[in-house]
Amino acid sequence: MHTIKPIDREAIMEAVHDTRRIITVEDHTVIGGLGGAVAEVIAEGGMACAFRRLGLQDAFSPIGLHEDLMSHHKIDANGIIETVRELLQLDFEEDDDWTDEV
């Protein structure tokens, strides 16, 4: 997704429907960023999914080299791969109905 505004609601809901898994990654705070915007679309769309926001959490960050901070916050390649694997290991039955009545 290349922009937050306007957000591509259709693409997000299609991804939720097809995968039941969403991961957002941003190199700044997760508060008020892409992850929050995507979470709003999912919540308003009435369909559930496994969802993870990777980025700087709402806490003081240690001081260090850029690559060390990326690793600490799990927004480096290894952290992203770890999160993807975690979500891929979730076992969803094909016939599970994840739609909610809104």
PDB file of N, CA and C in Angstrom:
ATOM      1  N   MET A   1       0.857  -1.159   0.000  1.00  0.00           N
ATOM      2  CA  MET A   1       0.000   0.000   0.000  1.00  0.00           C
ATOM      3  C   MET A   1       0.907   1.226   0.000  1.00  0.00           C
ATOM      4  N   HIS A   2       0.769   2.080  -0.968  1.00  0.00           N
ATOM      5  CA  HIS A   2       1.693   3.202  -1.105  1.00  0.00           C
ATOM      6  C   HIS A   2       1.214   4.491  -0.448  1.00  0.00           C
ATOM      7  N   THR A   3      -0.046   4.572  -0.081  1.00  0.00           N
ATOM      8  CA  THR A   3      -0.534   5.765   0.610  1.00  0.00           C
ATOM      9  C   THR A   3      -1.514   5.371   1.706  1.00  0.00           C
ATOM     10  N   ILE A   4      -1.573   6.214   2.726  1.00  0.00           N
ATOM     11  CA  ILE A   4      -2.583   6.010   3.766  1.00  0.00           C
ATOM     12  C   ILE A   4      -3.865   6.726   3.360  1.00  0.00           C
ATOM     13  N   LYS A   5      -3.682   7.853   2.674  1.00  0.00           N
ATOM     14  CA  LYS A   5      -4.838   8.642   2.289  1.00  0.00           C
ATOM     15  C   LYS A   5      -4.773   8.935   0.806  1.00  0.00           C
ATOM     16  N   PRO A   6      -5.693   8.556   0.018  1.00  0.00           N
ATOM     17  CA  PRO A   6      -6.868   7.764   0.409  1.00  0.00           C
ATOM     18  C   PRO A   6      -6.472   6.300   0.608  1.00  0.00           C
ATOM     19  N   ILE A   7      -7.036   5.686   1.614  1.00  0.00           N
ATOM     20  CA  ILE A   7      -6.717   4.291   1.903  1.00  0.00           C
ATOM     21  C   ILE A   7      -7.532   3.382   0.984  1.00  0.00           C
ATOM     22  N   ASP A   8      -6.928   2.316   0.558  1.00  0.00           N
ATOM     23  CA  ASP A   8      -7.576   1.387  -0.370  1.00  0.00           C
ATOM     24  C   ASP A   8      -8.375   0.348   0.420  1.00  0.00           C
ATOM     25  N   ARG A   9      -9.584   0.718   0.810  1.00  0.00           N
ATOM     26  CA  ARG A   9     -10.441  -0.151   1.626  1.00  0.00           C
ATOM     27  C   ARG A   9     -10.716  -1.490   0.932  1.00  0.00           C
ATOM     28  N   GLU A  10     -10.940  -1.432  -0.344  1.00  0.00           N
ATOM     29  CA  GLU A  10     -11.252  -2.652  -1.098  1.00  0.00           C
ATOM     30  C   GLU A  10     -10.089  -3.643  -1.055  1.00  0.00           C
ATOM     31  N   ALA A  11      -8.872  -3.157  -1.236  1.00  0.00           N
ATOM     32  CA  ALA A  11      -7.697  -4.041  -1.209  1.00  0.00           C
ATOM     33  C   ALA A  11      -7.504  -4.654   0.172  1.00  0.00           C
ATOM     34  N   ILE A  12      -7.724  -3.859   1.210  1.00  0.00           N
ATOM     35  CA  ILE A  12      -7.578  -4.372   2.576  1.00  0.00           C
ATOM     36  C   ILE A  12      -8.600  -5.463   2.844  1.00  0.00           C
ATOM     37  N   MET A  13      -9.852  -5.215   2.538  1.00  0.00           N
ATOM     38  CA  MET A  13     -10.898  -6.201   2.824  1.00  0.00           C
ATOM     39  C   MET A  13     -10.742  -7.442   1.952  1.00  0.00           C
ATOM     40  N   GLU A  14     -10.244  -7.278   0.743  1.00  0.00           N
ATOM     41  CA  GLU A  14      -9.974  -8.438  -0.110  1.00  0.00           C
ATOM     42  C   GLU A  14      -8.867  -9.296   0.508  1.00  0.00           C
ATOM     43  N   ALA A  15      -7.825  -8.643   1.035  1.00  0.00           N
ATOM     44  CA  ALA A  15      -6.735  -9.382   1.689  1.00  0.00           C
ATOM     45  C   ALA A  15      -7.236 -10.100   2.936  1.00  0.00           C
ATOM     46  N   VAL A  16      -8.089  -9.455   3.711  1.00  0.00           N
ATOM     47  CA  VAL A  16      -8.675 -10.093   4.900  1.00  0.00           C
ATOM     48  C   VAL A  16      -9.483 -11.309   4.480  1.00  0.00           C
ATOM     49  N   HIS A  17     -10.309 -11.151   3.476  1.00  0.00           N
ATOM     50  CA  HIS A  17     -11.153 -12.252   3.003  1.00  0.00           C
ATOM     51  C   HIS A  17     -10.309 -13.414   2.488  1.00  0.00           C
ATOM     52  N   ASP A  18      -9.265 -13.109   1.726  1.00  0.00           N
ATOM     53  CA  ASP A  18      -8.457 -14.155   1.091  1.00  0.00           C
ATOM     54  C   ASP A  18      -7.492 -14.849   2.048  1.00  0.00           C
ATOM     55  N   THR A  19      -6.943 -14.113   3.028  1.00  0.00           N
ATOM     56  CA  THR A  19      -5.874 -14.675   3.861  1.00  0.00           C
ATOM     57  C   THR A  19      -6.214 -14.812   5.336  1.00  0.00           C
ATOM     58  N   ARG A  20      -7.144 -13.995   5.810  1.00  0.00           N
ATOM     59  CA  ARG A  20      -7.490 -13.913   7.237  1.00  0.00           C
ATOM     60  C   ARG A  20      -6.300 -13.489   8.085  1.00  0.00           C
ATOM     61  N   ARG A  21      -5.326 -12.873   7.460  1.00  0.00           N
ATOM     62  CA  ARG A  21      -4.118 -12.426   8.144  1.00  0.00           C
ATOM     63  C   ARG A  21      -3.665 -11.088   7.544  1.00  0.00           C
ATOM     64  N   ILE A  22      -3.330 -10.141   8.414  1.00  0.00           N
ATOM     65  CA  ILE A  22      -2.814  -8.851   7.955  1.00  0.00           C
ATOM     66  C   ILE A  22      -1.643  -8.465   8.851  1.00  0.00           C
ATOM     67  N   ILE A  23      -0.558  -8.026   8.229  1.00  0.00           N
ATOM     68  CA  ILE A  23       0.591  -7.480   8.946  1.00  0.00           C
ATOM     69  C   ILE A  23       0.904  -6.125   8.325  1.00  0.00           C
ATOM     70  N   THR A  24       1.022  -5.108   9.165  1.00  0.00           N
ATOM     71  CA  THR A  24       1.496  -3.816   8.677  1.00  0.00           C
ATOM     72  C   THR A  24       2.872  -3.566   9.280  1.00  0.00           C
ATOM     73  N   VAL A  25       3.737  -2.934   8.516  1.00  0.00           N
ATOM     74  CA  VAL A  25       5.095  -2.625   8.964  1.00  0.00           C
ATOM     75  C   VAL A  25       5.357  -1.157   8.663  1.00  0.00           C
ATOM     76  N   GLU A  26       5.791  -0.427   9.677  1.00  0.00           N
ATOM     77  CA  GLU A  26       6.141   0.973   9.473  1.00  0.00           C
ATOM     78  C   GLU A  26       7.370   1.317  10.302  1.00  0.00           C
ATOM     79  N   ASP A  27       8.179   2.223   9.786  1.00  0.00           N
ATOM     80  CA  ASP A  27       9.435   2.562  10.456  1.00  0.00           C
ATOM     81  C   ASP A  27       9.294   3.785  11.361  1.00  0.00           C
ATOM     82  N   HIS A  28       8.146   3.880  11.992  1.00  0.00           N
ATOM     83  CA  HIS A  28       7.880   4.932  12.974  1.00  0.00           C
ATOM     84  C   HIS A  28       6.829   4.393  13.932  1.00  0.00           C
ATOM     85  N   THR A  29       6.296   5.236  14.783  1.00  0.00           N
ATOM     86  CA  THR A  29       5.325   4.779  15.769  1.00  0.00           C
ATOM     87  C   THR A  29       4.087   4.174  15.114  1.00  0.00           C
ATOM     88  N   VAL A  30       3.553   3.150  15.753  1.00  0.00           N
ATOM     89  CA  VAL A  30       2.346   2.515  15.219  1.00  0.00           C
ATOM     90  C   VAL A  30       1.103   3.332  15.561  1.00  0.00           C
ATOM     91  N   ILE A  31       1.232   4.281  16.472  1.00  0.00           N
ATOM     92  CA  ILE A  31       0.103   5.119  16.862  1.00  0.00           C
ATOM     93  C   ILE A  31      -0.185   6.108  15.736  1.00  0.00           C
ATOM     94  N   GLY A  32      -1.379   6.048  15.195  1.00  0.00           N
ATOM     95  CA  GLY A  32      -1.787   6.992  14.167  1.00  0.00           C
ATOM     96  C   GLY A  32      -1.176   6.765  12.798  1.00  0.00           C
ATOM     97  N   GLY A  33      -0.645   5.589  12.568  1.00  0.00           N
ATOM     98  CA  GLY A  33      -0.007   5.313  11.288  1.00  0.00           C
ATOM     99  C   GLY A  33      -0.823   4.382  10.414  1.00  0.00           C
ATOM    100  N   LEU A  34      -0.128   3.704   9.522  1.00  0.00           N
ATOM    101  CA  LEU A  34      -0.768   2.786   8.585  1.00  0.00           C
ATOM    102  C   LEU A  34      -1.520   1.676   9.310  1.00  0.00           C
ATOM    103  N   GLY A  35      -0.888   1.091  10.337  1.00  0.00           N
ATOM    104  CA  GLY A  35      -1.534  -0.001  11.068  1.00  0.00           C
ATOM    105  C   GLY A  35      -2.860   0.412  11.670  1.00  0.00           C
ATOM    106  N   GLY A  36      -2.913   1.602  12.239  1.00  0.00           N
ATOM    107  CA  GLY A  36      -4.161   2.100  12.810  1.00  0.00           C
ATOM    108  C   GLY A  36      -5.227   2.313  11.750  1.00  0.00           C
ATOM    109  N   ALA A  37      -4.821   2.853  10.610  1.00  0.00           N
ATOM    110  CA  ALA A  37      -5.773   3.082   9.520  1.00  0.00           C
ATOM    111  C   ALA A  37      -6.312   1.760   8.983  1.00  0.00           C
ATOM    112  N   VAL A  38      -5.431   0.770   8.837  1.00  0.00           N
ATOM    113  CA  VAL A  38      -5.859  -0.547   8.357  1.00  0.00           C
ATOM    114  C   VAL A  38      -6.779  -1.200   9.387  1.00  0.00           C
ATOM    115  N   ALA A  39      -6.445  -1.078  10.674  1.00  0.00           N
ATOM    116  CA  ALA A  39      -7.287  -1.642  11.734  1.00  0.00           C
ATOM    117  C   ALA A  39      -8.692  -1.042  11.703  1.00  0.00           C
ATOM    118  N   GLU A  40      -8.788   0.249  11.443  1.00  0.00           N
ATOM    119  CA  GLU A  40     -10.098   0.901  11.346  1.00  0.00           C
ATOM    120  C   GLU A  40     -10.915   0.316  10.199  1.00  0.00           C
ATOM    121  N   VAL A  41     -10.284   0.130   9.059  1.00  0.00           N
ATOM    122  CA  VAL A  41     -10.987  -0.430   7.900  1.00  0.00           C
ATOM    123  C   VAL A  41     -11.490  -1.835   8.220  1.00  0.00           C
ATOM    124  N   ILE A  42     -10.640  -2.649   8.849  1.00  0.00           N
ATOM    125  CA  ILE A  42     -11.025  -4.023   9.184  1.00  0.00           C
ATOM    126  C   ILE A  42     -12.180  -4.016  10.177  1.00  0.00           C
ATOM    127  N   ALA A  43     -12.093  -3.183  11.211  1.00  0.00           N
ATOM    128  CA  ALA A  43     -13.150  -3.122  12.222  1.00  0.00           C
ATOM    129  C   ALA A  43     -14.477  -2.689  11.606  1.00  0.00           C
ATOM    130  N   GLU A  44     -14.434  -1.705  10.731  1.00  0.00           N
ATOM    131  CA  GLU A  44     -15.654  -1.218  10.094  1.00  0.00           C
ATOM    132  C   GLU A  44     -16.167  -2.176   9.030  1.00  0.00           C
ATOM    133  N   GLY A  45     -15.284  -3.045   8.508  1.00  0.00           N
ATOM    134  CA  GLY A  45     -15.670  -3.972   7.446  1.00  0.00           C
ATOM    135  C   GLY A  45     -16.445  -5.176   7.938  1.00  0.00           C
ATOM    136  N   GLY A  46     -16.454  -5.407   9.255  1.00  0.00           N
ATOM    137  CA  GLY A  46     -17.252  -6.492   9.811  1.00  0.00           C
ATOM    138  C   GLY A  46     -16.704  -7.881   9.557  1.00  0.00           C
ATOM    139  N   MET A  47     -15.399  -8.000   9.339  1.00  0.00           N
ATOM    140  CA  MET A  47     -14.790  -9.304   9.100  1.00  0.00           C
ATOM    141  C   MET A  47     -13.560  -9.416  10.001  1.00  0.00           C
ATOM    142  N   ALA A  48     -13.392 -10.544  10.664  1.00  0.00           N
ATOM    143  CA  ALA A  48     -12.277 -10.726  11.591  1.00  0.00           C
ATOM    144  C   ALA A  48     -11.055 -11.284  10.881  1.00  0.00           C
ATOM    145  N   CYS A  49      -9.888 -11.032  11.476  1.00  0.00           N
ATOM    146  CA  CYS A  49      -8.648 -11.614  10.960  1.00  0.00           C
ATOM    147  C   CYS A  49      -7.577 -11.535  12.038  1.00  0.00           C
ATOM    148  N   ALA A  50      -6.517 -12.312  11.858  1.00  0.00           N
ATOM    149  CA  ALA A  50      -5.337 -12.188  12.701  1.00  0.00           C
ATOM    150  C   ALA A  50      -4.582 -10.959  12.209  1.00  0.00           C
ATOM    151  N   PHE A  51      -4.213 -10.059  13.109  1.00  0.00           N
ATOM    152  CA  PHE A  51      -3.668  -8.759  12.716  1.00  0.00           C
ATOM    153  C   PHE A  51      -2.487  -8.391  13.604  1.00  0.00           C
ATOM    154  N   ARG A  52      -1.388  -7.970  12.997  1.00  0.00           N
ATOM    155  CA  ARG A  52      -0.210  -7.513  13.736  1.00  0.00           C
ATOM    156  C   ARG A  52       0.281  -6.200  13.136  1.00  0.00           C
ATOM    157  N   ARG A  53       0.604  -5.258  14.021  1.00  0.00           N
ATOM    158  CA  ARG A  53       1.206  -3.986  13.611  1.00  0.00           C
ATOM    159  C   ARG A  53       2.656  -3.986  14.065  1.00  0.00           C
ATOM    160  N   LEU A  54       3.576  -3.942  13.125  1.00  0.00           N
ATOM    161  CA  LEU A  54       4.990  -3.852  13.457  1.00  0.00           C
ATOM    162  C   LEU A  54       5.445  -2.414  13.278  1.00  0.00           C
ATOM    163  N   GLY A  55       6.167  -1.926  14.252  1.00  0.00           N
ATOM    164  CA  GLY A  55       6.676  -0.566  14.223  1.00  0.00           C
ATOM    165  C   GLY A  55       7.124  -0.189  15.617  1.00  0.00           C
ATOM    166  N   LEU A  56       7.371   1.089  15.828  1.00  0.00           N
ATOM    167  CA  LEU A  56       7.782   1.557  17.141  1.00  0.00           C
ATOM    168  C   LEU A  56       6.560   1.584  18.048  1.00  0.00           C
ATOM    169  N   GLN A  57       6.626   0.821  19.125  1.00  0.00           N
ATOM    170  CA  GLN A  57       5.505   0.750  20.055  1.00  0.00           C
ATOM    171  C   GLN A  57       5.471   2.013  20.914  1.00  0.00           C
ATOM    172  N   ASP A  58       4.387   2.204  21.642  1.00  0.00           N
ATOM    173  CA  ASP A  58       4.192   3.393  22.464  1.00  0.00           C
ATOM    174  C   ASP A  58       4.989   3.250  23.763  1.00  0.00           C
ATOM    175  N   ALA A  59       6.303   3.334  23.652  1.00  0.00           N
ATOM    176  CA  ALA A  59       7.201   3.199  24.795  1.00  0.00           C
ATOM    177  C   ALA A  59       8.524   3.880  24.448  1.00  0.00           C
ATOM    178  N   PHE A  60       9.304   4.172  25.461  1.00  0.00           N
ATOM    179  CA  PHE A  60      10.621   4.748  25.205  1.00  0.00           C
ATOM    180  C   PHE A  60      11.487   3.722  24.496  1.00  0.00           C
ATOM    181  N   SER A  61      12.208   4.177  23.512  1.00  0.00           N
ATOM    182  CA  SER A  61      13.056   3.296  22.717  1.00  0.00           C
ATOM    183  C   SER A  61      14.500   3.426  23.184  1.00  0.00           C
ATOM    184  N   PRO A  62      15.238   2.329  23.163  1.00  0.00           N
ATOM    185  CA  PRO A  62      16.661   2.435  23.505  1.00  0.00           C
ATOM    186  C   PRO A  62      17.402   3.240  22.433  1.00  0.00           C
ATOM    187  N   ILE A  63      18.590   3.657  22.774  1.00  0.00           N
ATOM    188  CA  ILE A  63      19.435   4.391  21.836  1.00  0.00           C
ATOM    189  C   ILE A  63      20.414   3.405  21.215  1.00  0.00           C
ATOM    190  N   GLY A  64      20.646   3.538  19.918  1.00  0.00           N
ATOM    191  CA  GLY A  64      21.594   2.641  19.280  1.00  0.00           C
ATOM    192  C   GLY A  64      21.683   2.891  17.792  1.00  0.00           C
ATOM    193  N   LEU A  65      22.410   2.035  17.141  1.00  0.00           N
ATOM    194  CA  LEU A  65      22.538   2.103  15.693  1.00  0.00           C
ATOM    195  C   LEU A  65      21.203   1.779  15.036  1.00  0.00           C
ATOM    196  N   HIS A  66      20.998   2.333  13.862  1.00  0.00           N
ATOM    197  CA  HIS A  66      19.740   2.144  13.137  1.00  0.00           C
ATOM    198  C   HIS A  66      19.376   0.666  13.014  1.00  0.00           C
ATOM    199  N   GLU A  67      20.323  -0.162  12.575  1.00  0.00           N
ATOM    200  CA  GLU A  67      20.018  -1.589  12.385  1.00  0.00           C
ATOM    201  C   GLU A  67      19.700  -2.278  13.711  1.00  0.00           C
ATOM    202  N   ASP A  68      20.318  -1.833  14.810  1.00  0.00           N
ATOM    203  CA  ASP A  68      20.013  -2.414  16.119  1.00  0.00           C
ATOM    204  C   ASP A  68      18.600  -2.042  16.567  1.00  0.00           C
ATOM    205  N   LEU A  69      18.209  -0.810  16.309  1.00  0.00           N
ATOM    206  CA  LEU A  69      16.858  -0.377  16.672  1.00  0.00           C
ATOM    207  C   LEU A  69      15.804  -1.089  15.827  1.00  0.00           C
ATOM    208  N   MET A  70      16.092  -1.258  14.545  1.00  0.00           N
ATOM    209  CA  MET A  70      15.165  -1.996  13.681  1.00  0.00           C
ATOM    210  C   MET A  70      14.981  -3.415  14.209  1.00  0.00           C
ATOM    211  N   SER A  71      16.066  -4.047  14.612  1.00  0.00           N
ATOM    212  CA  SER A  71      16.002  -5.402  15.157  1.00  0.00           C
ATOM    213  C   SER A  71      15.240  -5.418  16.478  1.00  0.00           C
ATOM    214  N   HIS A  72      15.511  -4.453  17.345  1.00  0.00           N
ATOM    215  CA  HIS A  72      14.837  -4.378  18.646  1.00  0.00           C
ATOM    216  C   HIS A  72      13.320  -4.299  18.480  1.00  0.00           C
ATOM    217  N   HIS A  73      12.878  -3.524  17.511  1.00  0.00           N
ATOM    218  CA  HIS A  73      11.441  -3.327  17.284  1.00  0.00           C
ATOM    219  C   HIS A  73      10.849  -4.347  16.307  1.00  0.00           C
ATOM    220  N   LYS A  74      11.673  -5.295  15.879  1.00  0.00           N
ATOM    221  CA  LYS A  74      11.253  -6.376  14.979  1.00  0.00           C
ATOM    222  C   LYS A  74      10.750  -5.864  13.633  1.00  0.00           C
ATOM    223  N   ILE A  75      11.348  -4.771  13.161  1.00  0.00           N
ATOM    224  CA  ILE A  75      10.981  -4.266  11.840  1.00  0.00           C
ATOM    225  C   ILE A  75      12.145  -4.420  10.863  1.00  0.00           C
ATOM    226  N   ASP A  76      13.073  -5.306  11.209  1.00  0.00           N
ATOM    227  CA  ASP A  76      14.114  -5.700  10.267  1.00  0.00           C
ATOM    228  C   ASP A  76      13.635  -6.963   9.549  1.00  0.00           C
ATOM    229  N   ALA A  77      14.405  -7.451   8.608  1.00  0.00           N
ATOM    230  CA  ALA A  77      13.978  -8.622   7.826  1.00  0.00           C
ATOM    231  C   ALA A  77      13.665  -9.813   8.723  1.00  0.00           C
ATOM    232  N   ASN A  78      14.520 -10.084   9.708  1.00  0.00           N
ATOM    233  CA  ASN A  78      14.289 -11.235  10.580  1.00  0.00           C
ATOM    234  C   ASN A  78      13.015 -11.089  11.408  1.00  0.00           C
ATOM    235  N   GLY A  79      12.761  -9.894  11.917  1.00  0.00           N
ATOM    236  CA  GLY A  79      11.554  -9.661  12.708  1.00  0.00           C
ATOM    237  C   GLY A  79      10.289  -9.802  11.881  1.00  0.00           C
ATOM    238  N   ILE A  80      10.333  -9.292  10.665  1.00  0.00           N
ATOM    239  CA  ILE A  80       9.170  -9.404   9.780  1.00  0.00           C
ATOM    240  C   ILE A  80       8.929 -10.864   9.422  1.00  0.00           C
ATOM    241  N   ILE A  81       9.993 -11.588   9.092  1.00  0.00           N
ATOM    242  CA  ILE A  81       9.860 -13.015   8.761  1.00  0.00           C
ATOM    243  C   ILE A  81       9.288 -13.783   9.946  1.00  0.00           C
ATOM    244  N   GLU A  82       9.764 -13.484  11.150  1.00  0.00           N
ATOM    245  CA  GLU A  82       9.261 -14.152  12.360  1.00  0.00           C
ATOM    246  C   GLU A  82       7.755 -13.929  12.529  1.00  0.00           C
ATOM    247  N   THR A  83       7.313 -12.705  12.317  1.00  0.00           N
ATOM    248  CA  THR A  83       5.890 -12.390  12.455  1.00  0.00           C
ATOM    249  C   THR A  83       5.069 -13.068  11.370  1.00  0.00           C
ATOM    250  N   VAL A  84       5.561 -13.062  10.149  1.00  0.00           N
ATOM    251  CA  VAL A  84       4.856 -13.736   9.052  1.00  0.00           C
ATOM    252  C   VAL A  84       4.717 -15.219   9.360  1.00  0.00           C
ATOM    253  N   ARG A  85       5.793 -15.844   9.803  1.00  0.00           N
ATOM    254  CA  ARG A  85       5.735 -17.281  10.133  1.00  0.00           C
ATOM    255  C   ARG A  85       4.748 -17.542  11.265  1.00  0.00           C
ATOM    256  N   GLU A  86       4.745 -16.673  12.257  1.00  0.00           N
ATOM    257  CA  GLU A  86       3.812 -16.816  13.376  1.00  0.00           C
ATOM    258  C   GLU A  86       2.367 -16.825  12.882  1.00  0.00           C
ATOM    259  N   LEU A  87       2.041 -15.886  12.006  1.00  0.00           N
ATOM    260  CA  LEU A  87       0.664 -15.818  11.502  1.00  0.00           C
ATOM    261  C   LEU A  87       0.351 -16.960  10.548  1.00  0.00           C
ATOM    262  N   LEU A  88       1.336 -17.394   9.770  1.00  0.00           N
ATOM    263  CA  LEU A  88       1.096 -18.505   8.851  1.00  0.00           C
ATOM    264  C   LEU A  88       0.857 -19.814   9.591  1.00  0.00           C
ATOM    265  N   GLN A  89       1.378 -19.932  10.808  1.00  0.00           N
ATOM    266  CA  GLN A  89       1.178 -21.151  11.584  1.00  0.00           C
ATOM    267  C   GLN A  89      -0.220 -21.251  12.172  1.00  0.00           C
ATOM    268  N   LEU A  90      -0.947 -20.154  12.193  1.00  0.00           N
ATOM    269  CA  LEU A  90      -2.316 -20.203  12.699  1.00  0.00           C
ATOM    270  C   LEU A  90      -3.144 -21.060  11.765  1.00  0.00           C
ATOM    271  N   ASP A  91      -3.916 -21.945  12.335  1.00  0.00           N
ATOM    272  CA  ASP A  91      -4.685 -22.905  11.542  1.00  0.00           C
ATOM    273  C   ASP A  91      -6.147 -22.485  11.510  1.00  0.00           C
ATOM    274  N   PHE A  92      -6.584 -22.061  10.345  1.00  0.00           N
ATOM    275  CA  PHE A  92      -7.972 -21.675  10.168  1.00  0.00           C
ATOM    276  C   PHE A  92      -8.661 -22.706   9.298  1.00  0.00           C
ATOM    277  N   GLU A  93      -9.815 -23.149   9.728  1.00  0.00           N
ATOM    278  CA  GLU A  93     -10.596 -24.083   8.920  1.00  0.00           C
ATOM    279  C   GLU A  93     -11.212 -23.320   7.753  1.00  0.00           C
ATOM    280  N   GLU A  94     -11.252 -23.951   6.614  1.00  0.00           N
ATOM    281  CA  GLU A  94     -11.815 -23.316   5.422  1.00  0.00           C
ATOM    282  C   GLU A  94     -13.265 -22.898   5.623  1.00  0.00           C
ATOM    283  N   ASP A  95     -14.006 -23.676   6.407  1.00  0.00           N
ATOM    284  CA  ASP A  95     -15.425 -23.367   6.555  1.00  0.00           C
ATOM    285  C   ASP A  95     -15.709 -22.461   7.749  1.00  0.00           C
ATOM    286  N   ASP A  96     -14.667 -22.025   8.476  1.00  0.00           N
ATOM    287  CA  ASP A  96     -14.892 -21.091   9.575  1.00  0.00           C
ATOM    288  C   ASP A  96     -15.489 -19.809   9.018  1.00  0.00           C
ATOM    289  N   ASP A  97     -16.540 -19.355   9.650  1.00  0.00           N
ATOM    290  CA  ASP A  97     -17.172 -18.104   9.236  1.00  0.00           C
ATOM    291  C   ASP A  97     -16.636 -16.988  10.119  1.00  0.00           C
ATOM    292  N   TRP A  98     -15.792 -16.151   9.550  1.00  0.00           N
ATOM    293  CA  TRP A  98     -15.186 -15.071  10.314  1.00  0.00           C
ATOM    294  C   TRP A  98     -15.929 -13.758  10.133  1.00  0.00           C
ATOM    295  N   THR A  99     -17.050 -13.788   9.473  1.00  0.00           N
ATOM    296  CA  THR A  99     -17.788 -12.545   9.304  1.00  0.00           C
ATOM    297  C   THR A  99     -18.611 -12.293  10.549  1.00  0.00           C
ATOM    298  N   ASP A 100     -18.665 -11.066  10.935  1.00  0.00           N
ATOM    299  CA  ASP A 100     -19.453 -10.673  12.098  1.00  0.00           C
ATOM    300  C   ASP A 100     -20.697  -9.953  11.612  1.00  0.00           C
ATOM    301  N   GLU A 101     -21.745 -10.061  12.403  1.00  0.00           N
ATOM    302  CA  GLU A 101     -22.936  -9.288  12.075  1.00  0.00           C
ATOM    303  C   GLU A 101     -22.728  -7.886  12.600  1.00  0.00           C
ATOM    304  N   VAL A 102     -22.803  -6.936  11.708  1.00  0.00           N
ATOM    305  CA  VAL A 102     -22.558  -5.549  12.093  1.00  0.00           C
ATOM    306  C   VAL A 102     -23.860  -4.814  12.186  1.00  0.00           C
TER     307      VAL A 102
END
